[in-house]
Amino acid sequence: TGRCSPLSQMEMVHGSTFSFRAKSSCLRPRSRRRAAIFSPRALGWGPNVHMTPRHTRRYCRIDLQGEKLLELAVEKLGLSARGHQRILKVARTIADLAEEEEIRTEHLSEAIQYRSLDRRLT
């Protein structure tokens, strides 16, 4: 079919991790849009995963509601400072993919859900 579904197939691999396969023709335009948003920030470190703590503080700012949500997640999930940083980086990537300049509460919430799922599967 000519329909682009972001996740055309999802399967379990090794019993605990998910592998997502999407059509590259569907992802290519989205990836280009994300690169256009991301490229001004990327000059210093590359993909969001490689952000330093200084870059994370600068580019992963969240509002007061987001701070409270993240604080609750850190407490409930027992996250370290590193886990806190990882959630912020994932939220930044989610916001980039949504073509948003700011990290919104829903981006942060989605990142927290991924982290909690990851902790349950390992």
PDB file of N, CA and C in Angstrom:
ATOM      1  N   THR A   1       0.842  -1.187   0.000  1.00  0.00           N
ATOM      2  CA  THR A   1       0.000   0.000   0.000  1.00  0.00           C
ATOM      3  C   THR A   1       0.878   1.238   0.000  1.00  0.00           C
ATOM      4  N   GLY A   2       0.330   2.375  -0.416  1.00  0.00           N
ATOM      5  CA  GLY A   2       1.068   3.613  -0.454  1.00  0.00           C
ATOM      6  C   GLY A   2       0.965   4.394   0.840  1.00  0.00           C
ATOM      7  N   ARG A   3       0.286   3.845   1.805  1.00  0.00           N
ATOM      8  CA  ARG A   3       0.049   4.548   3.071  1.00  0.00           C
ATOM      9  C   ARG A   3       1.289   4.519   3.952  1.00  0.00           C
ATOM     10  N   CYS A   4       1.604   5.658   4.529  1.00  0.00           N
ATOM     11  CA  CYS A   4       2.759   5.754   5.432  1.00  0.00           C
ATOM     12  C   CYS A   4       2.289   5.675   6.866  1.00  0.00           C
ATOM     13  N   SER A   5       2.627   4.615   7.508  1.00  0.00           N
ATOM     14  CA  SER A   5       2.370   4.469   8.926  1.00  0.00           C
ATOM     15  C   SER A   5       3.711   4.624   9.634  1.00  0.00           C
ATOM     16  N   PRO A   6       3.792   5.473  10.667  1.00  0.00           N
ATOM     17  CA  PRO A   6       5.082   5.641  11.338  1.00  0.00           C
ATOM     18  C   PRO A   6       5.676   4.329  11.816  1.00  0.00           C
ATOM     19  N   LEU A   7       4.827   3.445  12.283  1.00  0.00           N
ATOM     20  CA  LEU A   7       5.309   2.132  12.703  1.00  0.00           C
ATOM     21  C   LEU A   7       4.589   1.075  11.877  1.00  0.00           C
ATOM     22  N   SER A   8       5.240   0.640  10.821  1.00  0.00           N
ATOM     23  CA  SER A   8       4.590  -0.327   9.963  1.00  0.00           C
ATOM     24  C   SER A   8       4.655  -1.736  10.539  1.00  0.00           C
ATOM     25  N   GLN A   9       5.583  -1.952  11.449  1.00  0.00           N
ATOM     26  CA  GLN A   9       5.688  -3.279  12.055  1.00  0.00           C
ATOM     27  C   GLN A   9       6.346  -3.146  13.414  1.00  0.00           C
ATOM     28  N   MET A  10       5.842  -3.880  14.388  1.00  0.00           N
ATOM     29  CA  MET A  10       6.453  -3.900  15.709  1.00  0.00           C
ATOM     30  C   MET A  10       6.575  -5.355  16.128  1.00  0.00           C
ATOM     31  N   GLU A  11       7.721  -5.714  16.632  1.00  0.00           N
ATOM     32  CA  GLU A  11       7.904  -7.103  17.038  1.00  0.00           C
ATOM     33  C   GLU A  11       8.779  -7.180  18.278  1.00  0.00           C
ATOM     34  N   MET A  12       8.649  -8.254  19.008  1.00  0.00           N
ATOM     35  CA  MET A  12       9.499  -8.487  20.164  1.00  0.00           C
ATOM     36  C   MET A  12      10.783  -9.155  19.681  1.00  0.00           C
ATOM     37  N   VAL A  13      11.896  -8.698  20.223  1.00  0.00           N
ATOM     38  CA  VAL A  13      13.182  -9.287  19.878  1.00  0.00           C
ATOM     39  C   VAL A  13      13.841  -9.705  21.180  1.00  0.00           C
ATOM     40  N   HIS A  14      14.356 -10.894  21.217  1.00  0.00           N
ATOM     41  CA  HIS A  14      15.023 -11.439  22.403  1.00  0.00           C
ATOM     42  C   HIS A  14      14.111 -11.431  23.624  1.00  0.00           C
ATOM     43  N   GLY A  15      12.820 -11.399  23.432  1.00  0.00           N
ATOM     44  CA  GLY A  15      11.875 -11.507  24.523  1.00  0.00           C
ATOM     45  C   GLY A  15      11.698 -10.270  25.388  1.00  0.00           C
ATOM     46  N   SER A  16      12.543  -9.237  25.218  1.00  0.00           N
ATOM     47  CA  SER A  16      12.392  -8.102  26.119  1.00  0.00           C
ATOM     48  C   SER A  16      12.536  -6.733  25.465  1.00  0.00           C
ATOM     49  N   THR A  17      13.113  -6.667  24.286  1.00  0.00           N
ATOM     50  CA  THR A  17      13.261  -5.354  23.656  1.00  0.00           C
ATOM     51  C   THR A  17      12.386  -5.270  22.421  1.00  0.00           C
ATOM     52  N   PHE A  18      11.959  -4.066  22.136  1.00  0.00           N
ATOM     53  CA  PHE A  18      11.135  -3.844  20.969  1.00  0.00           C
ATOM     54  C   PHE A  18      11.988  -3.417  19.796  1.00  0.00           C
ATOM     55  N   SER A  19      11.638  -3.890  18.637  1.00  0.00           N
ATOM     56  CA  SER A  19      12.277  -3.439  17.411  1.00  0.00           C
ATOM     57  C   SER A  19      11.187  -2.805  16.560  1.00  0.00           C
ATOM     58  N   PHE A  20      11.407  -1.584  16.153  1.00  0.00           N
ATOM     59  CA  PHE A  20      10.431  -0.885  15.338  1.00  0.00           C
ATOM     60  C   PHE A  20      10.966  -0.774  13.922  1.00  0.00           C
ATOM     61  N   ARG A  21      10.136  -1.100  12.976  1.00  0.00           N
ATOM     62  CA  ARG A  21      10.522  -0.971  11.578  1.00  0.00           C
ATOM     63  C   ARG A  21       9.513  -0.071  10.893  1.00  0.00           C
ATOM     64  N   ALA A  22      10.002   0.950  10.291  1.00  0.00           N
ATOM     65  CA  ALA A  22       9.139   1.872   9.563  1.00  0.00           C
ATOM     66  C   ALA A  22       9.684   2.014   8.149  1.00  0.00           C
ATOM     67  N   LYS A  23       8.810   2.345   7.230  1.00  0.00           N
ATOM     68  CA  LYS A  23       9.227   2.522   5.852  1.00  0.00           C
ATOM     69  C   LYS A  23      10.128   3.747   5.758  1.00  0.00           C
ATOM     70  N   SER A  24      11.310   3.578   5.156  1.00  0.00           N
ATOM     71  CA  SER A  24      12.243   4.704   5.074  1.00  0.00           C
ATOM     72  C   SER A  24      11.664   5.843   4.246  1.00  0.00           C
ATOM     73  N   SER A  25      10.843   5.519   3.249  1.00  0.00           N
ATOM     74  CA  SER A  25      10.242   6.578   2.436  1.00  0.00           C
ATOM     75  C   SER A  25       9.292   7.438   3.263  1.00  0.00           C
ATOM     76  N   CYS A  26       8.735   6.878   4.337  1.00  0.00           N
ATOM     77  CA  CYS A  26       7.851   7.631   5.224  1.00  0.00           C
ATOM     78  C   CYS A  26       8.656   8.483   6.200  1.00  0.00           C
ATOM     79  N   LEU A  27       9.773   7.941   6.649  1.00  0.00           N
ATOM     80  CA  LEU A  27      10.559   8.630   7.657  1.00  0.00           C
ATOM     81  C   LEU A  27      11.473   9.700   7.090  1.00  0.00           C
ATOM     82  N   ARG A  28      11.863   9.562   5.830  1.00  0.00           N
ATOM     83  CA  ARG A  28      12.823  10.492   5.243  1.00  0.00           C
ATOM     84  C   ARG A  28      12.376  11.950   5.329  1.00  0.00           C
ATOM     85  N   PRO A  29      11.139  12.308   4.915  1.00  0.00           N
ATOM     86  CA  PRO A  29      10.725  13.716   5.026  1.00  0.00           C
ATOM     87  C   PRO A  29      10.708  14.195   6.475  1.00  0.00           C
ATOM     88  N   ARG A  30      10.248  13.357   7.366  1.00  0.00           N
ATOM     89  CA  ARG A  30      10.207  13.711   8.788  1.00  0.00           C
ATOM     90  C   ARG A  30      11.617  13.919   9.318  1.00  0.00           C
ATOM     91  N   SER A  31      12.533  13.069   8.906  1.00  0.00           N
ATOM     92  CA  SER A  31      13.919  13.180   9.331  1.00  0.00           C
ATOM     93  C   SER A  31      14.547  14.474   8.817  1.00  0.00           C
ATOM     94  N   ARG A  32      14.236  14.849   7.596  1.00  0.00           N
ATOM     95  CA  ARG A  32      14.767  16.098   7.031  1.00  0.00           C
ATOM     96  C   ARG A  32      14.223  17.306   7.783  1.00  0.00           C
ATOM     97  N   ARG A  33      12.935  17.280   8.125  1.00  0.00           N
ATOM     98  CA  ARG A  33      12.355  18.391   8.886  1.00  0.00           C
ATOM     99  C   ARG A  33      13.021  18.494  10.251  1.00  0.00           C
ATOM    100  N   ARG A  34      13.223  17.331  10.883  1.00  0.00           N
ATOM    101  CA  ARG A  34      13.863  17.331  12.197  1.00  0.00           C
ATOM    102  C   ARG A  34      15.277  17.859  12.091  1.00  0.00           C
ATOM    103  N   ALA A  35      16.002  17.473  11.063  1.00  0.00           N
ATOM    104  CA  ALA A  35      17.378  17.940  10.888  1.00  0.00           C
ATOM    105  C   ALA A  35      17.430  19.452  10.720  1.00  0.00           C
ATOM    106  N   ALA A  36      16.447  20.016  10.036  1.00  0.00           N
ATOM    107  CA  ALA A  36      16.416  21.470   9.845  1.00  0.00           C
ATOM    108  C   ALA A  36      16.225  22.194  11.178  1.00  0.00           C
ATOM    109  N   ILE A  37      15.430  21.621  12.070  1.00  0.00           N
ATOM    110  CA  ILE A  37      15.207  22.212  13.389  1.00  0.00           C
ATOM    111  C   ILE A  37      16.442  21.989  14.262  1.00  0.00           C
ATOM    112  N   PHE A  38      16.976  20.813  14.173  1.00  0.00           N
ATOM    113  CA  PHE A  38      18.045  20.357  15.042  1.00  0.00           C
ATOM    114  C   PHE A  38      19.401  20.942  14.678  1.00  0.00           C
ATOM    115  N   SER A  39      19.654  21.202  13.388  1.00  0.00           N
ATOM    116  CA  SER A  39      20.994  21.553  12.930  1.00  0.00           C
ATOM    117  C   SER A  39      21.608  22.769  13.608  1.00  0.00           C
ATOM    118  N   PRO A  40      20.864  23.832  13.922  1.00  0.00           N
ATOM    119  CA  PRO A  40      21.524  24.938  14.618  1.00  0.00           C
ATOM    120  C   PRO A  40      22.098  24.524  15.971  1.00  0.00           C
ATOM    121  N   ARG A  41      21.444  23.608  16.665  1.00  0.00           N
ATOM    122  CA  ARG A  41      21.944  23.132  17.959  1.00  0.00           C
ATOM    123  C   ARG A  41      23.029  22.083  17.773  1.00  0.00           C
ATOM    124  N   ALA A  42      22.987  21.368  16.651  1.00  0.00           N
ATOM    125  CA  ALA A  42      23.862  20.212  16.450  1.00  0.00           C
ATOM    126  C   ALA A  42      25.317  20.575  16.232  1.00  0.00           C
ATOM    127  N   LEU A  43      25.597  21.818  15.979  1.00  0.00           N
ATOM    128  CA  LEU A  43      26.967  22.206  15.673  1.00  0.00           C
ATOM    129  C   LEU A  43      27.945  21.826  16.777  1.00  0.00           C
ATOM    130  N   GLY A  44      27.471  21.818  18.008  1.00  0.00           N
ATOM    131  CA  GLY A  44      28.372  21.553  19.121  1.00  0.00           C
ATOM    132  C   GLY A  44      28.508  20.111  19.533  1.00  0.00           C
ATOM    133  N   TRP A  45      27.529  19.252  19.239  1.00  0.00           N
ATOM    134  CA  TRP A  45      27.614  17.891  19.796  1.00  0.00           C
ATOM    135  C   TRP A  45      27.050  16.794  18.925  1.00  0.00           C
ATOM    136  N   GLY A  46      26.245  17.041  17.940  1.00  0.00           N
ATOM    137  CA  GLY A  46      25.664  15.982  17.120  1.00  0.00           C
ATOM    138  C   GLY A  46      24.276  15.634  17.614  1.00  0.00           C
ATOM    139  N   PRO A  47      23.890  14.383  17.560  1.00  0.00           N
ATOM    140  CA  PRO A  47      22.544  13.981  18.000  1.00  0.00           C
ATOM    141  C   PRO A  47      22.300  14.326  19.471  1.00  0.00           C
ATOM    142  N   ASN A  48      21.047  14.462  19.829  1.00  0.00           N
ATOM    143  CA  ASN A  48      20.687  14.848  21.197  1.00  0.00           C
ATOM    144  C   ASN A  48      21.303  13.943  22.255  1.00  0.00           C
ATOM    145  N   VAL A  49      21.488  12.690  21.932  1.00  0.00           N
ATOM    146  CA  VAL A  49      22.040  11.739  22.900  1.00  0.00           C
ATOM    147  C   VAL A  49      23.447  12.155  23.355  1.00  0.00           C
ATOM    148  N   HIS A  50      24.146  12.927  22.548  1.00  0.00           N
ATOM    149  CA  HIS A  50      25.511  13.334  22.870  1.00  0.00           C
ATOM    150  C   HIS A  50      25.596  14.700  23.543  1.00  0.00           C
ATOM    151  N   MET A  51      24.454  15.258  23.925  1.00  0.00           N
ATOM    152  CA  MET A  51      24.473  16.549  24.606  1.00  0.00           C
ATOM    153  C   MET A  51      25.207  16.443  25.933  1.00  0.00           C
ATOM    154  N   THR A  52      25.979  17.463  26.226  1.00  0.00           N
ATOM    155  CA  THR A  52      26.639  17.554  27.531  1.00  0.00           C
ATOM    156  C   THR A  52      25.617  18.085  28.534  1.00  0.00           C
ATOM    157  N   PRO A  53      25.901  17.972  29.820  1.00  0.00           N
ATOM    158  CA  PRO A  53      24.974  18.553  30.799  1.00  0.00           C
ATOM    159  C   PRO A  53      24.732  20.054  30.566  1.00  0.00           C
ATOM    160  N   ARG A  54      25.761  20.772  30.143  1.00  0.00           N
ATOM    161  CA  ARG A  54      25.599  22.199  29.848  1.00  0.00           C
ATOM    162  C   ARG A  54      24.601  22.419  28.707  1.00  0.00           C
ATOM    163  N   HIS A  55      24.727  21.624  27.642  1.00  0.00           N
ATOM    164  CA  HIS A  55      23.791  21.722  26.511  1.00  0.00           C
ATOM    165  C   HIS A  55      22.380  21.320  26.933  1.00  0.00           C
ATOM    166  N   THR A  56      22.289  20.297  27.773  1.00  0.00           N
ATOM    167  CA  THR A  56      20.980  19.841  28.248  1.00  0.00           C
ATOM    168  C   THR A  56      20.284  20.956  29.025  1.00  0.00           C
ATOM    169  N   ARG A  57      21.029  21.638  29.900  1.00  0.00           N
ATOM    170  CA  ARG A  57      20.437  22.759  30.652  1.00  0.00           C
ATOM    171  C   ARG A  57      19.977  23.869  29.718  1.00  0.00           C
ATOM    172  N   ARG A  58      20.722  24.086  28.654  1.00  0.00           N
ATOM    173  CA  ARG A  58      20.382  25.182  27.734  1.00  0.00           C
ATOM    174  C   ARG A  58      19.230  24.846  26.796  1.00  0.00           C
ATOM    175  N   TYR A  59      19.226  23.625  26.239  1.00  0.00           N
ATOM    176  CA  TYR A  59      18.274  23.276  25.192  1.00  0.00           C
ATOM    177  C   TYR A  59      17.116  22.393  25.636  1.00  0.00           C
ATOM    178  N   CYS A  60      17.145  21.937  26.867  1.00  0.00           N
ATOM    179  CA  CYS A  60      16.085  21.061  27.361  1.00  0.00           C
ATOM    180  C   CYS A  60      15.344  21.708  28.522  1.00  0.00           C
ATOM    181  N   ARG A  61      15.048  22.953  28.385  1.00  0.00           N
ATOM    182  CA  ARG A  61      14.324  23.667  29.444  1.00  0.00           C
ATOM    183  C   ARG A  61      12.870  23.225  29.464  1.00  0.00           C
ATOM    184  N   ILE A  62      12.354  23.105  30.679  1.00  0.00           N
ATOM    185  CA  ILE A  62      10.955  22.723  30.844  1.00  0.00           C
ATOM    186  C   ILE A  62      10.296  23.712  31.797  1.00  0.00           C
ATOM    187  N   ASP A  63       8.986  23.814  31.688  1.00  0.00           N
ATOM    188  CA  ASP A  63       8.252  24.756  32.536  1.00  0.00           C
ATOM    189  C   ASP A  63       8.055  24.169  33.941  1.00  0.00           C
ATOM    190  N   LEU A  64       7.418  24.937  34.810  1.00  0.00           N
ATOM    191  CA  LEU A  64       7.218  24.526  36.198  1.00  0.00           C
ATOM    192  C   LEU A  64       6.420  23.225  36.291  1.00  0.00           C
ATOM    193  N   GLN A  65       5.386  23.090  35.462  1.00  0.00           N
ATOM    194  CA  GLN A  65       4.584  21.864  35.454  1.00  0.00           C
ATOM    195  C   GLN A  65       5.455  20.670  35.042  1.00  0.00           C
ATOM    196  N   GLY A  66       6.315  20.870  34.055  1.00  0.00           N
ATOM    197  CA  GLY A  66       7.233  19.818  33.624  1.00  0.00           C
ATOM    198  C   GLY A  66       8.230  19.456  34.706  1.00  0.00           C
ATOM    199  N   GLU A  67       8.717  20.473  35.422  1.00  0.00           N
ATOM    200  CA  GLU A  67       9.649  20.227  36.534  1.00  0.00           C
ATOM    201  C   GLU A  67       9.006  19.345  37.595  1.00  0.00           C
ATOM    202  N   LYS A  68       7.754  19.655  37.921  1.00  0.00           N
ATOM    203  CA  LYS A  68       7.044  18.860  38.935  1.00  0.00           C
ATOM    204  C   LYS A  68       6.844  17.428  38.458  1.00  0.00           C
ATOM    205  N   LEU A  69       6.473  17.274  37.184  1.00  0.00           N
ATOM    206  CA  LEU A  69       6.273  15.943  36.605  1.00  0.00           C
ATOM    207  C   LEU A  69       7.568  15.144  36.631  1.00  0.00           C
ATOM    208  N   LEU A  70       8.658  15.774  36.231  1.00  0.00           N
ATOM    209  CA  LEU A  70       9.945  15.087  36.206  1.00  0.00           C
ATOM    210  C   LEU A  70      10.421  14.739  37.619  1.00  0.00           C
ATOM    211  N   GLU A  71      10.202  15.635  38.550  1.00  0.00           N
ATOM    212  CA  GLU A  71      10.563  15.377  39.950  1.00  0.00           C
ATOM    213  C   GLU A  71       9.802  14.165  40.488  1.00  0.00           C
ATOM    214  N   LEU A  72       8.515  14.082  40.170  1.00  0.00           N
ATOM    215  CA  LEU A  72       7.698  12.950  40.593  1.00  0.00           C
ATOM    216  C   LEU A  72       8.201  11.650  39.960  1.00  0.00           C
ATOM    217  N   ALA A  73       8.536  11.712  38.667  1.00  0.00           N
ATOM    218  CA  ALA A  73       9.038  10.522  37.970  1.00  0.00           C
ATOM    219  C   ALA A  73      10.361  10.053  38.565  1.00  0.00           C
ATOM    220  N   VAL A  74      11.253  10.994  38.868  1.00  0.00           N
ATOM    221  CA  VAL A  74      12.543  10.649  39.465  1.00  0.00           C
ATOM    222  C   VAL A  74      12.315   9.937  40.792  1.00  0.00           C
ATOM    223  N   GLU A  75      11.391  10.471  41.570  1.00  0.00           N
ATOM    224  CA  GLU A  75      11.088   9.877  42.877  1.00  0.00           C
ATOM    225  C   GLU A  75      10.459   8.488  42.720  1.00  0.00           C
ATOM    226  N   LYS A  76       9.431   8.375  41.873  1.00  0.00           N
ATOM    227  CA  LYS A  76       8.697   7.101  41.723  1.00  0.00           C
ATOM    228  C   LYS A  76       9.545   6.013  41.070  1.00  0.00           C
ATOM    229  N   LEU A  77      10.364   6.402  40.076  1.00  0.00           N
ATOM    230  CA  LEU A  77      11.162   5.416  39.346  1.00  0.00           C
ATOM    231  C   LEU A  77      12.547   5.220  39.950  1.00  0.00           C
ATOM    232  N   GLY A  78      12.884   6.037  40.943  1.00  0.00           N
ATOM    233  CA  GLY A  78      14.201   5.923  41.563  1.00  0.00           C
ATOM    234  C   GLY A  78      15.324   6.238  40.596  1.00  0.00           C
ATOM    235  N   LEU A  79      15.157   7.285  39.809  1.00  0.00           N
ATOM    236  CA  LEU A  79      16.143   7.612  38.785  1.00  0.00           C
ATOM    237  C   LEU A  79      17.333   8.374  39.361  1.00  0.00           C
ATOM    238  N   SER A  80      18.468   8.146  38.756  1.00  0.00           N
ATOM    239  CA  SER A  80      19.680   8.870  39.109  1.00  0.00           C
ATOM    240  C   SER A  80      19.709  10.189  38.328  1.00  0.00           C
ATOM    241  N   ALA A  81      20.733  10.981  38.577  1.00  0.00           N
ATOM    242  CA  ALA A  81      20.913  12.218  37.811  1.00  0.00           C
ATOM    243  C   ALA A  81      21.084  11.894  36.327  1.00  0.00           C
ATOM    244  N   ARG A  82      21.744  10.797  36.045  1.00  0.00           N
ATOM    245  CA  ARG A  82      21.923  10.369  34.651  1.00  0.00           C
ATOM    246  C   ARG A  82      20.581  10.024  34.013  1.00  0.00           C
ATOM    247  N   GLY A  83      19.714   9.337  34.752  1.00  0.00           N
ATOM    248  CA  GLY A  83      18.377   9.003  34.251  1.00  0.00           C
ATOM    249  C   GLY A  83      17.556  10.252  34.001  1.00  0.00           C
ATOM    250  N   HIS A  84      17.690  11.234  34.867  1.00  0.00           N
ATOM    251  CA  HIS A  84      17.029  12.530  34.718  1.00  0.00           C
ATOM    252  C   HIS A  84      17.466  13.175  33.402  1.00  0.00           C
ATOM    253  N   GLN A  85      18.778  13.185  33.152  1.00  0.00           N
ATOM    254  CA  GLN A  85      19.316  13.764  31.920  1.00  0.00           C
ATOM    255  C   GLN A  85      18.823  13.015  30.679  1.00  0.00           C
ATOM    256  N   ARG A  86      18.765  11.699  30.773  1.00  0.00           N
ATOM    257  CA  ARG A  86      18.315  10.899  29.636  1.00  0.00           C
ATOM    258  C   ARG A  86      16.865  11.211  29.272  1.00  0.00           C
ATOM    259  N   ILE A  87      16.026  11.378  30.282  1.00  0.00           N
ATOM    260  CA  ILE A  87      14.629  11.722  30.029  1.00  0.00           C
ATOM    261  C   ILE A  87      14.545  13.068  29.328  1.00  0.00           C
ATOM    262  N   LEU A  88      15.330  14.032  29.774  1.00  0.00           N
ATOM    263  CA  LEU A  88      15.315  15.354  29.136  1.00  0.00           C
ATOM    264  C   LEU A  88      15.770  15.277  27.680  1.00  0.00           C
ATOM    265  N   LYS A  89      16.784  14.474  27.399  1.00  0.00           N
ATOM    266  CA  LYS A  89      17.275  14.337  26.026  1.00  0.00           C
ATOM    267  C   LYS A  89      16.234  13.670  25.127  1.00  0.00           C
ATOM    268  N   VAL A  90      15.568  12.649  25.646  1.00  0.00           N
ATOM    269  CA  VAL A  90      14.515  11.982  24.868  1.00  0.00           C
ATOM    270  C   VAL A  90      13.352  12.944  24.640  1.00  0.00           C
ATOM    271  N   ALA A  91      12.982  13.708  25.658  1.00  0.00           N
ATOM    272  CA  ALA A  91      11.910  14.697  25.514  1.00  0.00           C
ATOM    273  C   ALA A  91      12.282  15.744  24.462  1.00  0.00           C
ATOM    274  N   ARG A  92      13.559  16.143  24.422  1.00  0.00           N
ATOM    275  CA  ARG A  92      14.024  17.109  23.417  1.00  0.00           C
ATOM    276  C   ARG A  92      13.866  16.516  22.025  1.00  0.00           C
ATOM    277  N   THR A  93      14.200  15.244  21.868  1.00  0.00           N
ATOM    278  CA  THR A  93      14.067  14.576  20.573  1.00  0.00           C
ATOM    279  C   THR A  93      12.601  14.471  20.164  1.00  0.00           C
ATOM    280  N   ILE A  94      11.734  14.135  21.104  1.00  0.00           N
ATOM    281  CA  ILE A  94      10.295  14.048  20.824  1.00  0.00           C
ATOM    282  C   ILE A  94       9.769  15.414  20.387  1.00  0.00           C
ATOM    283  N   ALA A  95      10.194  16.467  21.072  1.00  0.00           N
ATOM    284  CA  ALA A  95       9.783  17.825  20.694  1.00  0.00           C
ATOM    285  C   ALA A  95      10.312  18.179  19.300  1.00  0.00           C
ATOM    286  N   ASP A  96      11.541  17.787  19.006  1.00  0.00           N
ATOM    287  CA  ASP A  96      12.104  18.033  17.671  1.00  0.00           C
ATOM    288  C   ASP A  96      11.277  17.340  16.593  1.00  0.00           C
ATOM    289  N   LEU A  97      10.921  16.091  16.842  1.00  0.00           N
ATOM    290  CA  LEU A  97      10.132  15.338  15.865  1.00  0.00           C
ATOM    291  C   LEU A  97       8.737  15.929  15.685  1.00  0.00           C
ATOM    292  N   ALA A  98       8.224  16.552  16.743  1.00  0.00           N
ATOM    293  CA  ALA A  98       6.921  17.218  16.662  1.00  0.00           C
ATOM    294  C   ALA A  98       7.065  18.639  16.102  1.00  0.00           C
ATOM    295  N   GLU A  99       8.308  18.991  15.742  1.00  0.00           N
ATOM    296  CA  GLU A  99       8.623  20.308  15.194  1.00  0.00           C
ATOM    297  C   GLU A  99       8.264  21.428  16.156  1.00  0.00           C
ATOM    298  N   GLU A 100       8.556  21.192  17.435  1.00  0.00           N
ATOM    299  CA  GLU A 100       8.292  22.164  18.494  1.00  0.00           C
ATOM    300  C   GLU A 100       9.615  22.707  19.012  1.00  0.00           C
ATOM    301  N   GLU A 101       9.676  24.002  19.220  1.00  0.00           N
ATOM    302  CA  GLU A 101      10.872  24.632  19.786  1.00  0.00           C
ATOM    303  C   GLU A 101      11.025  24.303  21.267  1.00  0.00           C
ATOM    304  N   GLU A 102       9.910  24.313  21.984  1.00  0.00           N
ATOM    305  CA  GLU A 102       9.925  24.089  23.421  1.00  0.00           C
ATOM    306  C   GLU A 102       9.521  22.660  23.754  1.00  0.00           C
ATOM    307  N   ILE A 103      10.082  22.129  24.825  1.00  0.00           N
ATOM    308  CA  ILE A 103       9.655  20.824  25.326  1.00  0.00           C
ATOM    309  C   ILE A 103       8.370  21.059  26.108  1.00  0.00           C
ATOM    310  N   ARG A 104       7.314  20.428  25.664  1.00  0.00           N
ATOM    311  CA  ARG A 104       6.027  20.577  26.340  1.00  0.00           C
ATOM    312  C   ARG A 104       5.831  19.408  27.302  1.00  0.00           C
ATOM    313  N   THR A 105       4.847  19.551  28.175  1.00  0.00           N
ATOM    314  CA  THR A 105       4.583  18.521  29.183  1.00  0.00           C
ATOM    315  C   THR A 105       4.301  17.170  28.531  1.00  0.00           C
ATOM    316  N   GLU A 106       3.589  17.166  27.410  1.00  0.00           N
ATOM    317  CA  GLU A 106       3.298  15.879  26.761  1.00  0.00           C
ATOM    318  C   GLU A 106       4.554  15.215  26.202  1.00  0.00           C
ATOM    319  N   HIS A 107       5.541  15.995  25.775  1.00  0.00           N
ATOM    320  CA  HIS A 107       6.812  15.416  25.311  1.00  0.00           C
ATOM    321  C   HIS A 107       7.543  14.771  26.487  1.00  0.00           C
ATOM    322  N   LEU A 108       7.549  15.474  27.594  1.00  0.00           N
ATOM    323  CA  LEU A 108       8.199  14.969  28.801  1.00  0.00           C
ATOM    324  C   LEU A 108       7.498  13.714  29.305  1.00  0.00           C
ATOM    325  N   SER A 109       6.180  13.737  29.284  1.00  0.00           N
ATOM    326  CA  SER A 109       5.395  12.588  29.727  1.00  0.00           C
ATOM    327  C   SER A 109       5.690  11.357  28.867  1.00  0.00           C
ATOM    328  N   GLU A 110       5.786  11.560  27.560  1.00  0.00           N
ATOM    329  CA  GLU A 110       6.101  10.446  26.659  1.00  0.00           C
ATOM    330  C   GLU A 110       7.496   9.891  26.950  1.00  0.00           C
ATOM    331  N   ALA A 111       8.455  10.767  27.175  1.00  0.00           N
ATOM    332  CA  ALA A 111       9.822  10.332  27.488  1.00  0.00           C
ATOM    333  C   ALA A 111       9.850   9.533  28.796  1.00  0.00           C
ATOM    334  N   ILE A 112       9.090   9.979  29.773  1.00  0.00           N
ATOM    335  CA  ILE A 112       9.015   9.264  31.054  1.00  0.00           C
ATOM    336  C   ILE A 112       8.392   7.883  30.851  1.00  0.00           C
ATOM    337  N   GLN A 113       7.372   7.802  30.020  1.00  0.00           N
ATOM    338  CA  GLN A 113       6.738   6.510  29.748  1.00  0.00           C
ATOM    339  C   GLN A 113       7.731   5.548  29.113  1.00  0.00           C
ATOM    340  N   TYR A 114       8.542   6.039  28.159  1.00  0.00           N
ATOM    341  CA  TYR A 114       9.554   5.177  27.543  1.00  0.00           C
ATOM    342  C   TYR A 114      10.544   4.696  28.584  1.00  0.00           C
ATOM    343  N   ARG A 115      10.952   5.576  29.471  1.00  0.00           N
ATOM    344  CA  ARG A 115      11.918   5.215  30.502  1.00  0.00           C
ATOM    345  C   ARG A 115      11.332   4.174  31.466  1.00  0.00           C
ATOM    346  N   SER A 116      10.077   4.369  31.858  1.00  0.00           N
ATOM    347  CA  SER A 116       9.457   3.412  32.778  1.00  0.00           C
ATOM    348  C   SER A 116       9.262   2.061  32.094  1.00  0.00           C
ATOM    349  N   LEU A 117       8.934   2.062  30.811  1.00  0.00           N
ATOM    350  CA  LEU A 117       8.806   0.807  30.060  1.00  0.00           C
ATOM    351  C   LEU A 117      10.154   0.112  29.982  1.00  0.00           C
ATOM    352  N   ASP A 118      11.191   0.871  29.718  1.00  0.00           N
ATOM    353  CA  ASP A 118      12.545   0.324  29.641  1.00  0.00           C
ATOM    354  C   ASP A 118      12.960  -0.330  30.961  1.00  0.00           C
ATOM    355  N   ARG A 119      12.626   0.322  32.055  1.00  0.00           N
ATOM    356  CA  ARG A 119      12.977  -0.210  33.382  1.00  0.00           C
ATOM    357  C   ARG A 119      12.200  -1.490  33.683  1.00  0.00           C
ATOM    358  N   ARG A 120      10.962  -1.597  33.215  1.00  0.00           N
ATOM    359  CA  ARG A 120      10.164  -2.807  33.461  1.00  0.00           C
ATOM    360  C   ARG A 120      10.644  -3.981  32.633  1.00  0.00           C
ATOM    361  N   LEU A 121      11.200  -3.699  31.436  1.00  0.00           N
ATOM    362  CA  LEU A 121      11.628  -4.783  30.539  1.00  0.00           C
ATOM    363  C   LEU A 121      13.010  -5.302  30.865  1.00  0.00           C
ATOM    364  N   THR A 122      13.790  -4.545  31.617  1.00  0.00           N
ATOM    365  CA  THR A 122      15.157  -4.997  31.901  1.00  0.00           C
ATOM    366  C   THR A 122      15.260  -5.653  33.247  1.00  0.00           C
TER     367      THR A 122
END
